Amino acid sequence: MRKFFNTLYVTTQGCYLAKERETVAVHLDDDTKQRFPFHNLDGLVCMGNIRLSPYLIGACGKKGITISYLSEHGQFLGRFTGSVSGNVLLRRRQFRYADHPAKKAAIARSIVTGKILNANTVLKRFPRDNPDNQAVPEIRSVIEKLKRITDKISRVQDLDMIRGMEGEAASLYFSVFDHLILSDSKEMTFTGRNRRPPLDPVNAMLSFAYTLLHHDVVSACESVGLDPAVGFLHTDRPGRHSLALDLMEEFRSFFADRLVLSMINRQQIGPKDFIFHSSGAVMFKDKARKTFIQTYQERKKDALTHPFLNEKMPIGTVFFYQALLLARFIRGDLDGYPPFIWR
């Protein structure tokens, strides 16, 4: 079993981080606020005006601790990973698979199948938990349509068709997403995906959850020796982690979306936790952002049984194991890539 590590998120503006012995020391206004041992960390995320000492950056590079830089509002800016330690033979095979139409389509088909099945499981829980809700018939209709797409996609060989079916499934899923929100607040409603910037609190939460998930999945790809930039479902683009975006698809609904829905429906986050700009952009307030990160980290500790490995593990390690399973398939150890399917 792989040890479950933590990511340190630094959101307080003006903090200075330094290396002190074998710890990351967080300073603010000449006071040392906290120290975090290196051996408990696998990632460091700095949001906004956060400064790091050169010695700390060097130590993180040597110890394999990735450093990600986000804007104060959660937009990804860049990433420091130290020296590349990936297996060159694995990456050569990954690149060949990405250039092979049939193999590329097979991996993309598995990923999209996992994504749609997991989205459907999220939807199926709503009628079970809220049988008298008037939206149940509409949700059940979407569930049936998604099921038909998963049945059909197993026979599709063309990558563009797979991408089109993924887009159709995503549109269906988000068409009923607002029904999953039980808040009475008119500000906490969902009328469709928007981003860069998000224009409502729900989209602000979804975008931020996907940003945190992206960081974790990139780290998972790198930890098993895969190149996170070379994907199969998503096309290559300079500066984009296409493989990480591929693997994220399996986790968006079951992990990120459920986290957002849970925090809204439990009233952990509400309209008062956001800044509404005159431009239309909606951003987290500092305290709410910290609450969201803390809840995200706690949710990663929840245990589940991996459907393929039949092993109980924290959710936070599932990202690693899916990247590992993909690496094993690319090496030729598995007959196919088994997507994560939430039960």
Protein backbone atom coordinates (compact mmCIF):
# COMPACT_ATOMS: atom_id res chain seq x y z
CA MET A 1 0.00 0.00 0.00
CA ARG A 2 1.34 3.40 -0.94
CA LYS A 3 1.65 5.84 1.95
CA PHE A 4 -0.95 8.61 1.80
CA PHE A 5 0.77 11.98 1.81
CA ASN A 6 -0.62 15.49 2.15
CA THR A 7 -0.48 18.60 0.04
CA LEU A 8 0.26 21.83 1.90
CA TYR A 9 -1.92 24.69 0.66
CA VAL A 10 -0.74 28.19 1.57
CA THR A 11 -3.43 30.83 1.05
CA THR A 12 -2.60 33.59 3.56
CA GLN A 13 -1.25 36.51 1.56
CA GLY A 14 2.24 37.73 2.46
CA CYS A 15 3.48 34.43 3.88
CA TYR A 16 7.16 33.53 3.53
CA LEU A 17 8.13 29.86 3.44
CA ALA A 18 11.62 28.67 4.30
CA LYS A 19 13.54 25.46 4.92
CA GLU A 20 14.32 24.93 8.61
CA ARG A 21 16.10 21.64 9.23
CA GLU A 22 13.77 18.99 7.77
CA THR A 23 10.62 21.12 7.83
CA VAL A 24 8.79 23.74 5.80
CA ALA A 25 8.47 26.76 8.08
CA VAL A 26 5.64 29.21 7.41
CA HIS A 27 6.38 32.79 8.48
CA LEU A 28 4.04 35.78 8.58
CA ASP A 29 5.00 39.24 9.84
CA ASP A 30 8.28 37.93 11.32
CA ASP A 31 6.45 35.22 13.30
CA THR A 32 6.75 31.49 12.63
CA LYS A 33 3.19 30.23 12.35
CA GLN A 34 3.71 26.52 11.68
CA ARG A 35 6.25 23.90 10.62
CA PHE A 36 5.50 20.90 8.41
CA PRO A 37 7.92 17.94 8.13
CA PHE A 38 9.11 17.19 4.60
CA HIS A 39 8.47 13.48 5.03
CA ASN A 40 4.69 14.10 5.34
CA LEU A 41 4.41 16.13 2.13
CA ASP A 42 4.23 15.32 -1.54
CA GLY A 43 3.07 18.72 -2.77
CA LEU A 44 3.07 22.42 -1.99
CA VAL A 45 0.48 24.80 -3.46
CA CYS A 46 1.03 28.55 -3.17
CA MET A 47 -1.95 30.78 -3.89
CA GLY A 48 -1.30 34.45 -4.56
CA ASN A 49 1.44 36.51 -2.91
CA ILE A 50 3.46 33.72 -1.29
CA ARG A 51 7.27 33.85 -1.23
CA LEU A 52 9.61 30.85 -0.98
CA SER A 53 13.28 30.78 -0.06
CA PRO A 54 15.71 29.39 -2.69
CA TYR A 55 16.85 26.77 -0.16
CA LEU A 56 13.28 25.54 0.26
CA ILE A 57 12.74 25.34 -3.50
CA GLY A 58 15.97 23.36 -3.86
CA ALA A 59 15.03 20.99 -1.04
CA CYS A 60 11.60 20.36 -2.57
CA GLY A 61 13.21 19.58 -5.91
CA LYS A 62 15.57 17.04 -4.36
CA LYS A 63 12.83 15.41 -2.28
CA GLY A 64 10.32 15.13 -5.12
CA ILE A 65 7.89 17.63 -3.57
CA THR A 66 6.11 19.49 -6.35
CA ILE A 67 5.41 23.20 -6.01
CA SER A 68 2.37 24.62 -7.82
CA TYR A 69 1.63 28.30 -8.16
CA LEU A 70 -1.97 29.51 -8.40
CA SER A 71 -3.43 32.99 -8.46
CA GLU A 72 -5.15 34.19 -5.31
CA HIS A 73 -8.44 33.05 -6.85
CA GLY A 74 -7.24 29.57 -7.84
CA GLN A 75 -6.13 29.95 -11.47
CA PHE A 76 -3.18 27.69 -12.31
CA LEU A 77 -0.02 29.68 -13.11
CA GLY A 78 2.86 27.22 -13.13
CA ARG A 79 4.56 24.26 -11.52
CA PHE A 80 8.05 23.31 -10.27
CA THR A 81 8.93 19.62 -10.19
CA GLY A 82 12.73 19.46 -9.88
CA SER A 83 14.57 16.98 -12.06
CA VAL A 84 12.45 14.63 -14.17
CA SER A 85 12.59 11.12 -12.72
CA GLY A 86 10.19 9.38 -15.10
CA ASN A 87 11.06 6.06 -16.68
CA VAL A 88 12.26 6.96 -20.18
CA LEU A 89 11.25 3.57 -21.60
CA LEU A 90 7.73 3.94 -20.22
CA ARG A 91 7.44 7.43 -21.66
CA ARG A 92 8.67 6.29 -25.06
CA ARG A 93 5.90 3.67 -25.09
CA GLN A 94 3.40 6.30 -23.90
CA PHE A 95 4.35 8.56 -26.81
CA ARG A 96 4.00 5.68 -29.29
CA TYR A 97 0.56 4.81 -27.88
CA ALA A 98 -0.48 8.46 -28.19
CA ASP A 99 0.48 8.35 -31.89
CA HIS A 100 -1.29 5.02 -32.52
CA PRO A 101 -4.96 5.71 -33.48
CA ALA A 102 -6.38 2.37 -32.28
CA LYS A 103 -4.53 2.29 -28.96
CA LYS A 104 -5.25 5.96 -28.34
CA ALA A 105 -8.95 5.39 -28.97
CA ALA A 106 -9.03 2.31 -26.73
CA ILE A 107 -7.63 4.23 -23.75
CA ALA A 108 -9.93 7.19 -24.40
CA ARG A 109 -12.93 4.84 -24.62
CA SER A 110 -12.11 3.29 -21.23
CA ILE A 111 -11.70 6.70 -19.61
CA VAL A 112 -14.97 8.05 -21.04
CA THR A 113 -16.80 4.88 -20.03
CA GLY A 114 -15.59 5.33 -16.46
CA LYS A 115 -16.56 8.99 -16.50
CA ILE A 116 -20.12 8.34 -17.69
CA LEU A 117 -20.70 5.40 -15.33
CA ASN A 118 -19.52 7.47 -12.36
CA ALA A 119 -21.69 10.42 -13.37
CA ASN A 120 -24.65 8.07 -13.63
CA THR A 121 -23.98 6.68 -10.16
CA VAL A 122 -24.02 10.22 -8.75
CA LEU A 123 -27.39 10.82 -10.41
CA LYS A 124 -28.83 7.46 -9.27
CA ARG A 125 -28.28 8.37 -5.63
CA PHE A 126 -30.61 11.36 -5.85
CA PRO A 127 -33.88 9.43 -6.47
CA ARG A 128 -32.86 6.95 -3.79
CA ASP A 129 -32.26 9.68 -1.20
CA ASN A 130 -35.04 12.04 -2.37
CA PRO A 131 -37.83 9.79 -3.76
CA ASP A 132 -40.53 12.46 -3.48
CA ASN A 133 -38.59 15.24 -5.24
CA GLN A 134 -40.40 16.48 -8.34
CA ALA A 135 -37.15 16.37 -10.35
CA VAL A 136 -36.85 12.57 -10.01
CA PRO A 137 -38.56 11.73 -13.36
CA GLU A 138 -36.26 14.08 -15.29
CA ILE A 139 -33.17 12.71 -13.55
CA ARG A 140 -34.23 9.13 -14.25
CA SER A 141 -34.68 10.03 -17.92
CA VAL A 142 -31.10 11.33 -18.06
CA ILE A 143 -29.88 8.19 -16.27
CA GLU A 144 -31.41 6.04 -19.01
CA LYS A 145 -29.90 8.21 -21.76
CA LEU A 146 -26.44 7.97 -20.16
CA LYS A 147 -26.83 4.21 -19.91
CA ARG A 148 -27.56 4.01 -23.63
CA ILE A 149 -24.43 6.04 -24.37
CA THR A 150 -22.24 3.69 -22.30
CA ASP A 151 -23.77 0.70 -24.08
CA LYS A 152 -23.06 2.25 -27.46
CA ILE A 153 -19.55 3.55 -26.76
CA SER A 154 -18.19 0.05 -26.15
CA ARG A 155 -18.53 -0.59 -29.89
CA VAL A 156 -17.06 2.72 -31.09
CA GLN A 157 -13.53 2.72 -32.51
CA ASP A 158 -13.30 6.29 -33.81
CA LEU A 159 -11.71 8.77 -31.40
CA ASP A 160 -13.69 11.77 -32.64
CA MET A 161 -16.93 9.84 -32.09
CA ILE A 162 -15.80 8.94 -28.57
CA ARG A 163 -15.11 12.60 -27.85
CA GLY A 164 -18.51 13.54 -29.24
CA MET A 165 -20.25 11.00 -27.02
CA GLU A 166 -18.31 12.27 -24.01
CA GLY A 167 -19.51 15.79 -24.77
CA GLU A 168 -23.10 14.60 -25.17
CA ALA A 169 -22.95 12.76 -21.84
CA ALA A 170 -21.49 15.79 -20.06
CA SER A 171 -24.26 17.99 -21.46
CA LEU A 172 -26.93 15.56 -20.24
CA TYR A 173 -25.36 15.28 -16.79
CA PHE A 174 -25.10 19.03 -16.27
CA SER A 175 -28.64 19.55 -17.60
CA VAL A 176 -29.97 18.11 -14.32
CA PHE A 177 -27.12 19.14 -12.03
CA ASP A 178 -29.14 22.02 -10.56
CA HIS A 179 -31.72 19.51 -9.29
CA LEU A 180 -29.04 17.95 -7.08
CA ILE A 181 -28.64 21.27 -5.24
CA LEU A 182 -31.08 21.44 -2.33
CA SER A 183 -30.30 24.99 -1.24
CA ASP A 184 -33.18 27.49 -1.28
CA SER A 185 -30.83 30.37 -2.06
CA LYS A 186 -31.27 31.80 -5.56
CA GLU A 187 -27.52 32.54 -5.68
CA MET A 188 -26.70 28.83 -5.22
CA THR A 189 -28.29 27.68 -8.46
CA PHE A 190 -26.69 26.15 -11.54
CA THR A 191 -27.69 27.07 -15.09
CA GLY A 192 -24.69 25.58 -16.91
CA ARG A 193 -20.91 25.48 -16.83
CA ASN A 194 -18.99 28.73 -17.13
CA ARG A 195 -15.40 29.53 -16.18
CA ARG A 196 -12.44 31.88 -16.65
CA PRO A 197 -13.94 33.54 -14.75
CA PRO A 198 -16.81 31.64 -13.10
CA LEU A 199 -19.98 33.72 -13.05
CA ASP A 200 -21.81 32.16 -10.10
CA PRO A 201 -20.90 30.49 -6.78
CA VAL A 202 -21.57 26.92 -7.95
CA ASN A 203 -19.26 27.29 -10.94
CA ALA A 204 -16.65 28.97 -8.74
CA MET A 205 -16.73 25.90 -6.47
CA LEU A 206 -16.60 23.44 -9.37
CA SER A 207 -13.69 25.22 -11.03
CA PHE A 208 -11.72 25.38 -7.79
CA ALA A 209 -12.40 21.70 -7.04
CA TYR A 210 -11.15 20.78 -10.52
CA THR A 211 -8.02 22.89 -9.99
CA LEU A 212 -7.18 21.01 -6.78
CA LEU A 213 -7.95 17.69 -8.45
CA HIS A 214 -5.74 18.62 -11.40
CA HIS A 215 -2.79 19.19 -9.07
CA ASP A 216 -3.25 15.77 -7.47
CA VAL A 217 -3.62 13.90 -10.76
CA VAL A 218 -0.57 15.57 -12.32
CA SER A 219 1.41 14.45 -9.26
CA ALA A 220 0.04 10.92 -9.64
CA CYS A 221 1.13 10.75 -13.30
CA GLU A 222 4.61 11.99 -12.49
CA SER A 223 5.00 9.63 -9.54
CA VAL A 224 4.58 6.53 -11.75
CA GLY A 225 6.80 7.85 -14.54
CA LEU A 226 4.15 8.99 -17.04
CA ASP A 227 4.34 12.30 -18.87
CA PRO A 228 1.27 14.26 -17.70
CA ALA A 229 1.33 16.39 -20.86
CA VAL A 230 0.80 13.57 -23.39
CA GLY A 231 -2.79 12.37 -23.34
CA PHE A 232 -5.18 10.19 -25.31
CA LEU A 233 -8.64 11.74 -24.96
CA HIS A 234 -7.50 15.37 -24.79
CA THR A 235 -5.38 16.71 -27.62
CA ASP A 236 -1.85 17.91 -26.98
CA ARG A 237 -1.48 21.64 -26.44
CA PRO A 238 1.52 23.64 -25.18
CA GLY A 239 1.28 24.17 -21.43
CA ARG A 240 -1.58 21.71 -20.96
CA HIS A 241 -1.41 18.49 -18.93
CA SER A 242 -3.51 16.45 -21.35
CA LEU A 243 -2.97 13.07 -19.66
CA ALA A 244 -3.89 14.53 -16.26
CA LEU A 245 -7.06 15.96 -17.81
CA ASP A 246 -7.78 12.50 -19.22
CA LEU A 247 -7.53 10.73 -15.87
CA MET A 248 -9.39 13.53 -14.10
CA GLU A 249 -12.51 12.64 -16.07
CA GLU A 250 -13.05 9.53 -13.95
CA PHE A 251 -12.99 11.60 -10.74
CA ARG A 252 -14.86 14.78 -11.62
CA SER A 253 -18.38 13.63 -10.73
CA PHE A 254 -17.71 11.06 -8.03
CA PHE A 255 -15.15 13.16 -6.13
CA ALA A 256 -15.14 16.85 -7.09
CA ASP A 257 -18.83 17.34 -7.94
CA ARG A 258 -20.03 15.37 -4.93
CA LEU A 259 -17.79 17.47 -2.69
CA VAL A 260 -19.34 20.67 -4.06
CA LEU A 261 -22.89 19.34 -3.70
CA SER A 262 -22.23 18.12 -0.17
CA MET A 263 -20.83 21.48 0.98
CA ILE A 264 -23.78 23.36 -0.51
CA ASN A 265 -26.48 21.00 0.74
CA ARG A 266 -24.96 20.87 4.23
CA GLN A 267 -24.75 24.68 4.22
CA GLN A 268 -20.99 24.65 4.76
CA ILE A 269 -20.74 27.16 1.91
CA GLY A 270 -23.32 29.80 0.98
CA PRO A 271 -23.70 33.12 -0.88
CA LYS A 272 -22.03 35.03 1.95
CA ASP A 273 -18.80 33.16 1.23
CA PHE A 274 -18.26 34.75 -2.19
CA ILE A 275 -17.23 38.08 -3.68
CA PHE A 276 -19.48 39.22 -6.55
CA HIS A 277 -17.51 41.56 -8.83
CA SER A 278 -19.12 44.18 -11.04
CA SER A 279 -17.61 42.39 -14.06
CA GLY A 280 -19.76 39.36 -13.25
CA ALA A 281 -16.91 37.24 -11.90
CA VAL A 282 -17.54 35.37 -8.65
CA MET A 283 -14.67 34.45 -6.32
CA PHE A 284 -14.26 32.75 -2.95
CA LYS A 285 -13.64 34.85 0.13
CA ASP A 286 -10.42 33.88 1.93
CA LYS A 287 -12.07 32.06 4.84
CA ALA A 288 -14.37 30.07 2.56
CA ARG A 289 -11.46 29.07 0.32
CA LYS A 290 -9.61 27.70 3.33
CA THR A 291 -12.73 25.81 4.44
CA PHE A 292 -13.07 24.32 0.96
CA ILE A 293 -9.43 23.20 0.86
CA GLN A 294 -9.68 21.66 4.33
CA THR A 295 -12.82 19.74 3.37
CA TYR A 296 -11.20 18.61 0.12
CA GLN A 297 -8.20 17.27 2.02
CA GLU A 298 -10.40 15.51 4.58
CA ARG A 299 -12.50 13.92 1.84
CA LYS A 300 -9.33 12.43 0.34
CA LYS A 301 -8.92 10.44 3.57
CA ASP A 302 -12.28 8.68 3.17
CA ALA A 303 -11.79 4.99 2.46
CA LEU A 304 -13.22 2.92 -0.37
CA THR A 305 -12.55 -0.45 -1.96
CA HIS A 306 -10.88 -0.16 -5.34
CA PRO A 307 -13.12 -2.03 -7.82
CA PHE A 308 -10.26 -3.50 -9.87
CA LEU A 309 -7.62 -4.09 -7.19
CA ASN A 310 -10.22 -5.15 -4.58
CA GLU A 311 -8.19 -3.33 -1.93
CA LYS A 312 -9.39 -0.80 0.62
CA MET A 313 -7.61 2.55 0.37
CA PRO A 314 -8.07 6.30 0.94
CA ILE A 315 -9.61 8.16 -1.98
CA GLY A 316 -6.46 10.28 -2.17
CA THR A 317 -4.42 7.25 -3.26
CA VAL A 318 -6.86 6.18 -5.99
CA PHE A 319 -5.41 8.87 -8.28
CA PHE A 320 -2.00 7.22 -7.92
CA TYR A 321 -3.30 3.71 -8.52
CA GLN A 322 -5.19 4.70 -11.67
CA ALA A 323 -2.03 6.26 -13.06
CA LEU A 324 -0.17 3.08 -12.08
CA LEU A 325 -2.74 0.87 -13.84
CA LEU A 326 -2.41 2.98 -16.98
CA ALA A 327 1.38 2.67 -16.79
CA ARG A 328 1.07 -1.12 -16.42
CA PHE A 329 -1.17 -1.29 -19.48
CA ILE A 330 1.26 0.80 -21.52
CA ARG A 331 4.12 -1.48 -20.43
CA GLY A 332 2.12 -4.50 -21.60
CA ASP A 333 1.37 -5.96 -18.16
CA LEU A 334 -2.43 -5.58 -18.59
CA ASP A 335 -4.68 -6.36 -21.53
CA GLY A 336 -6.51 -3.04 -21.19
CA TYR A 337 -6.75 0.05 -19.01
CA PRO A 338 -9.35 -0.52 -16.26
CA PRO A 339 -11.01 2.82 -15.44
CA PHE A 340 -12.05 3.65 -11.90
CA ILE A 341 -15.76 2.84 -11.57
CA TRP A 342 -17.40 4.02 -8.36
CA ARG A 343 -19.85 1.61 -6.78
